[in-house]
Amino acid sequence: MLGYYIIIGGIALISWLVSNKLKGKFKYYSKVHLRNGMSGAEIAEKMLADHGIYDVKVISTPGMLTDHYNPSNKTVNLSEGVYNQRNAAAAAVAAHECGHAVQHAKAYQWLQLRSKLVPVVSVSSGMSQWLIIGGLILGVANNFGFLIAVAGLVLMSLATIFSLVTLPVEYDASNRALAWLKNKNMLSPQEYDGAEDSLKWAARTYLVAAIGSLAMLLYWALRVLGSRN
């Protein structure tokens, strides 16, 4: 199990470092105030309107960096620090979440796939590791234990697929956001650089999560298949 703890520790450390860097970037670019004086909510509403999307609501949600787009009720949920603030960080996050709304409106295939995986992963993610460990305890040399462990691997692979599918969804949303901010001259060069840097670090959190998920899947797969020999 030493390998397991090394992987977990390594992933946790990298995730913490990237998350702290993102928070630092958000705090720094929150001090870069927009020349146009628009709030995150106003940025979001304008981006939606410019893309002909009028059935999506922009609402405020509690917390910090809790921003997300909900395709089920068509809402762009902006954290309080983004919804009300008028700075480069708020503009970046607001436009990014609207990027997801644009993806939804245009039936972006990777977003559709991720949405289909959400209910499956929400149920399977908590069970997969327990099934694998249970199978190993029973002994994978025993067919019953092996089948239980493999079932756990299958469920874990769904979570890994979800993490990997999330990458193009998030990167594409950021690209749409930055393209709109630039084409509509919403930001000054300094403000745009801040927005771009903020979204770059936000994307890295998803990259770390995907790498971590893949590493854990490979670790448990080697444990199960190695014990079979």
Protein backbone atom coordinates (compact mmCIF):
# COMPACT_ATOMS: atom_id res chain seq x y z
CA MET A 1 0.00 0.00 0.00
CA LEU A 2 3.06 2.28 0.16
CA GLY A 3 2.67 3.08 -3.53
CA TYR A 4 -0.96 4.08 -2.92
CA TYR A 5 0.00 6.56 -0.19
CA ILE A 6 2.81 7.99 -2.32
CA ILE A 7 0.39 8.60 -5.21
CA ILE A 8 -2.27 10.07 -2.92
CA GLY A 9 0.28 12.30 -1.20
CA GLY A 10 1.81 13.46 -4.48
CA ILE A 11 -1.56 14.26 -6.04
CA ALA A 12 -2.74 16.05 -2.90
CA LEU A 13 0.42 18.17 -2.78
CA ILE A 14 0.27 19.17 -6.45
CA SER A 15 -3.46 19.87 -6.18
CA TRP A 16 -2.86 22.07 -3.13
CA LEU A 17 -0.07 23.99 -4.86
CA VAL A 18 -2.15 24.62 -8.00
CA SER A 19 -5.22 25.55 -5.96
CA ASN A 20 -3.21 28.01 -3.86
CA LYS A 21 -1.69 29.49 -7.01
CA LEU A 22 -5.17 29.92 -8.50
CA LYS A 23 -6.43 31.66 -5.36
CA GLY A 24 -3.38 33.91 -5.42
CA LYS A 25 -3.96 34.79 -9.08
CA PHE A 26 -7.64 35.48 -8.44
CA LYS A 27 -6.76 37.74 -5.51
CA TYR A 28 -4.11 39.58 -7.55
CA TYR A 29 -6.28 40.15 -10.61
CA SER A 30 -9.20 41.15 -8.40
CA LYS A 31 -7.24 44.37 -7.89
CA VAL A 32 -7.12 45.06 -11.65
CA HIS A 33 -10.30 47.09 -12.01
CA LEU A 34 -12.10 47.22 -15.35
CA ARG A 35 -12.05 50.44 -17.29
CA ASN A 36 -15.60 49.74 -18.52
CA GLY A 37 -16.86 49.52 -14.92
CA MET A 38 -18.94 46.39 -15.61
CA SER A 39 -19.58 43.79 -12.92
CA GLY A 40 -19.18 40.06 -13.43
CA ALA A 41 -22.95 39.74 -13.70
CA GLU A 42 -23.11 42.44 -16.38
CA ILE A 43 -20.25 40.82 -18.30
CA ALA A 44 -22.10 37.50 -18.22
CA GLU A 45 -25.42 38.99 -19.35
CA LYS A 46 -23.75 40.80 -22.25
CA MET A 47 -21.88 37.70 -23.42
CA LEU A 48 -25.09 35.67 -23.37
CA ALA A 49 -26.95 38.37 -25.30
CA ASP A 50 -24.15 38.68 -27.87
CA HIS A 51 -24.52 34.95 -28.54
CA GLY A 52 -28.29 35.19 -28.85
CA ILE A 53 -28.92 33.31 -25.60
CA TYR A 54 -31.89 34.73 -23.72
CA ASP A 55 -33.19 31.72 -21.79
CA VAL A 56 -30.25 31.51 -19.36
CA LYS A 57 -30.36 33.38 -16.04
CA VAL A 58 -27.32 34.83 -14.28
CA ILE A 59 -27.62 34.40 -10.53
CA SER A 60 -25.43 34.85 -7.46
CA THR A 61 -24.33 31.84 -5.40
CA PRO A 62 -22.61 31.81 -1.96
CA GLY A 63 -18.94 31.01 -1.49
CA MET A 64 -15.62 31.71 -3.21
CA LEU A 65 -14.82 30.20 -6.62
CA THR A 66 -18.11 28.28 -6.52
CA ASP A 67 -18.96 29.52 -10.01
CA HIS A 68 -20.58 27.03 -12.39
CA TYR A 69 -23.08 26.64 -15.20
CA ASN A 70 -26.08 24.41 -14.53
CA PRO A 71 -27.43 22.98 -17.80
CA SER A 72 -30.47 21.40 -16.10
CA ASN A 73 -32.05 24.74 -15.17
CA LYS A 74 -30.00 26.93 -17.52
CA THR A 75 -28.39 29.19 -14.93
CA VAL A 76 -24.97 30.80 -14.80
CA ASN A 77 -24.14 30.72 -11.10
CA LEU A 78 -21.54 33.30 -10.10
CA SER A 79 -19.96 33.46 -6.64
CA GLU A 80 -20.51 36.66 -4.72
CA GLY A 81 -16.97 37.85 -5.42
CA VAL A 82 -17.54 37.47 -9.16
CA TYR A 83 -21.18 38.53 -9.46
CA ASN A 84 -20.70 41.96 -7.88
CA GLN A 85 -17.04 42.79 -8.53
CA ARG A 86 -15.70 44.82 -11.44
CA ASN A 87 -12.23 43.47 -12.11
CA ALA A 88 -10.25 41.26 -14.51
CA ALA A 89 -10.67 38.11 -12.40
CA ALA A 90 -14.45 38.52 -12.20
CA ALA A 91 -14.66 39.18 -15.95
CA ALA A 92 -12.65 36.04 -16.70
CA VAL A 93 -14.73 33.74 -14.51
CA ALA A 94 -18.06 35.20 -15.62
CA ALA A 95 -17.16 34.86 -19.30
CA HIS A 96 -15.85 31.32 -18.75
CA GLU A 97 -19.12 30.16 -17.20
CA CYS A 98 -21.02 31.76 -20.06
CA GLY A 99 -18.72 29.78 -22.34
CA HIS A 100 -20.43 26.68 -20.97
CA ALA A 101 -23.83 28.18 -21.71
CA VAL A 102 -22.69 28.79 -25.30
CA GLN A 103 -21.51 25.16 -25.49
CA HIS A 104 -24.93 24.02 -24.31
CA ALA A 105 -26.73 26.21 -26.83
CA LYS A 106 -24.55 24.89 -29.64
CA ALA A 107 -24.83 21.24 -28.48
CA TYR A 108 -21.07 20.95 -27.97
CA GLN A 109 -20.43 17.19 -28.04
CA TRP A 110 -17.97 17.02 -25.13
CA LEU A 111 -20.36 18.90 -22.84
CA GLN A 112 -23.19 16.58 -23.86
CA LEU A 113 -21.02 13.55 -23.06
CA ARG A 114 -20.01 14.96 -19.67
CA SER A 115 -23.63 15.69 -18.80
CA LYS A 116 -24.57 12.08 -19.56
CA LEU A 117 -21.76 10.83 -17.32
CA VAL A 118 -22.69 13.01 -14.32
CA PRO A 119 -25.48 10.80 -12.85
CA VAL A 120 -23.44 7.63 -13.40
CA VAL A 121 -20.25 9.01 -11.86
CA SER A 122 -22.08 10.57 -8.90
CA VAL A 123 -23.21 7.06 -7.90
CA SER A 124 -20.20 5.00 -8.94
CA SER A 125 -17.33 7.17 -7.68
CA GLY A 126 -17.98 6.42 -4.02
CA MET A 127 -18.29 2.67 -4.59
CA SER A 128 -15.40 1.87 -6.93
CA GLN A 129 -12.49 1.85 -4.51
CA TRP A 130 -14.42 -0.14 -1.89
CA LEU A 131 -15.27 -2.79 -4.47
CA ILE A 132 -11.62 -3.03 -5.54
CA ILE A 133 -10.38 -3.32 -1.96
CA GLY A 134 -13.13 -5.82 -1.16
CA GLY A 135 -12.15 -7.92 -4.15
CA LEU A 136 -8.49 -7.86 -3.11
CA ILE A 137 -9.39 -8.89 0.43
CA LEU A 138 -11.45 -11.80 -0.86
CA GLY A 139 -8.53 -12.69 -3.09
CA VAL A 140 -8.46 -12.09 -6.82
CA ALA A 141 -7.19 -15.62 -7.35
CA ASN A 142 -10.75 -16.50 -6.43
CA ASN A 143 -13.03 -15.79 -9.40
CA PHE A 144 -15.65 -14.10 -7.20
CA GLY A 145 -13.12 -11.74 -5.65
CA PHE A 146 -11.60 -11.00 -9.06
CA LEU A 147 -15.00 -10.13 -10.55
CA ILE A 148 -15.75 -7.76 -7.67
CA ALA A 149 -12.38 -6.05 -8.12
CA VAL A 150 -12.88 -5.75 -11.89
CA ALA A 151 -16.34 -4.26 -11.31
CA GLY A 152 -14.68 -1.66 -9.10
CA LEU A 153 -12.13 -0.93 -11.83
CA VAL A 154 -14.90 -0.44 -14.39
CA LEU A 155 -16.66 2.05 -12.11
CA MET A 156 -13.39 3.85 -11.40
CA SER A 157 -12.66 4.04 -15.13
CA LEU A 158 -15.95 5.91 -15.61
CA ALA A 159 -14.78 8.54 -13.14
CA THR A 160 -11.46 8.76 -15.00
CA ILE A 161 -13.24 9.14 -18.33
CA PHE A 162 -15.34 11.90 -16.76
CA SER A 163 -12.18 13.72 -15.63
CA LEU A 164 -10.62 13.42 -19.08
CA VAL A 165 -13.80 14.55 -20.87
CA THR A 166 -13.91 17.55 -18.54
CA LEU A 167 -10.61 18.84 -19.95
CA PRO A 168 -11.81 19.78 -23.48
CA VAL A 169 -15.03 21.14 -21.97
CA GLU A 170 -13.16 23.50 -19.65
CA TYR A 171 -10.47 24.53 -22.11
CA ASP A 172 -13.04 25.20 -24.82
CA ALA A 173 -15.15 27.31 -22.45
CA SER A 174 -12.07 29.41 -21.62
CA ASN A 175 -11.20 29.79 -25.32
CA ARG A 176 -14.74 30.95 -26.08
CA ALA A 177 -14.60 33.40 -23.18
CA LEU A 178 -11.25 34.88 -24.17
CA ALA A 179 -12.21 35.13 -27.84
CA TRP A 180 -15.38 37.04 -26.95
CA LEU A 181 -13.59 39.34 -24.50
CA LYS A 182 -10.99 40.15 -27.16
CA ASN A 183 -13.29 40.45 -30.20
CA LYS A 184 -15.72 42.72 -28.37
CA ASN A 185 -12.90 44.84 -26.90
CA MET A 186 -14.32 44.28 -23.44
CA LEU A 187 -10.93 44.56 -21.73
CA SER A 188 -7.78 46.63 -22.01
CA PRO A 189 -4.58 44.70 -22.88
CA GLN A 190 -3.58 44.58 -19.19
CA GLU A 191 -7.04 43.41 -18.13
CA TYR A 192 -7.10 40.78 -20.87
CA ASP A 193 -3.71 39.41 -19.81
CA GLY A 194 -5.04 39.08 -16.28
CA ALA A 195 -8.17 37.27 -17.45
CA GLU A 196 -6.12 34.92 -19.61
CA ASP A 197 -3.71 34.11 -16.77
CA SER A 198 -6.58 33.48 -14.34
CA LEU A 199 -8.27 31.02 -16.69
CA LYS A 200 -4.96 29.29 -17.43
CA TRP A 201 -4.51 28.43 -13.75
CA ALA A 202 -8.15 27.45 -13.36
CA ALA A 203 -7.73 24.96 -16.21
CA ARG A 204 -4.68 23.46 -14.50
CA THR A 205 -6.81 22.39 -11.54
CA TYR A 206 -8.81 20.18 -13.90
CA LEU A 207 -5.63 18.88 -15.50
CA VAL A 208 -4.23 17.84 -12.11
CA ALA A 209 -7.53 16.14 -11.24
CA ALA A 210 -7.51 14.19 -14.51
CA ILE A 211 -3.90 13.07 -14.08
CA GLY A 212 -4.63 12.05 -10.51
CA SER A 213 -7.68 10.05 -11.51
CA LEU A 214 -5.74 8.27 -14.26
CA ALA A 215 -2.84 7.52 -11.90
CA MET A 216 -5.18 5.96 -9.32
CA LEU A 217 -6.90 3.84 -11.97
CA LEU A 218 -3.57 2.53 -13.25
CA TYR A 219 -2.35 1.82 -9.72
CA TRP A 220 -5.41 -0.25 -8.78
CA ALA A 221 -5.47 -2.00 -12.16
CA LEU A 222 -1.86 -3.12 -11.64
CA ARG A 223 -2.69 -4.26 -8.11
CA VAL A 224 -5.68 -6.32 -9.26
CA LEU A 225 -4.05 -7.82 -12.36
CA GLY A 226 -0.74 -8.35 -10.59
CA SER A 227 -2.43 -10.28 -7.78
CA ARG A 228 -4.11 -12.46 -10.39
CA ASN A 229 -0.77 -13.85 -11.60
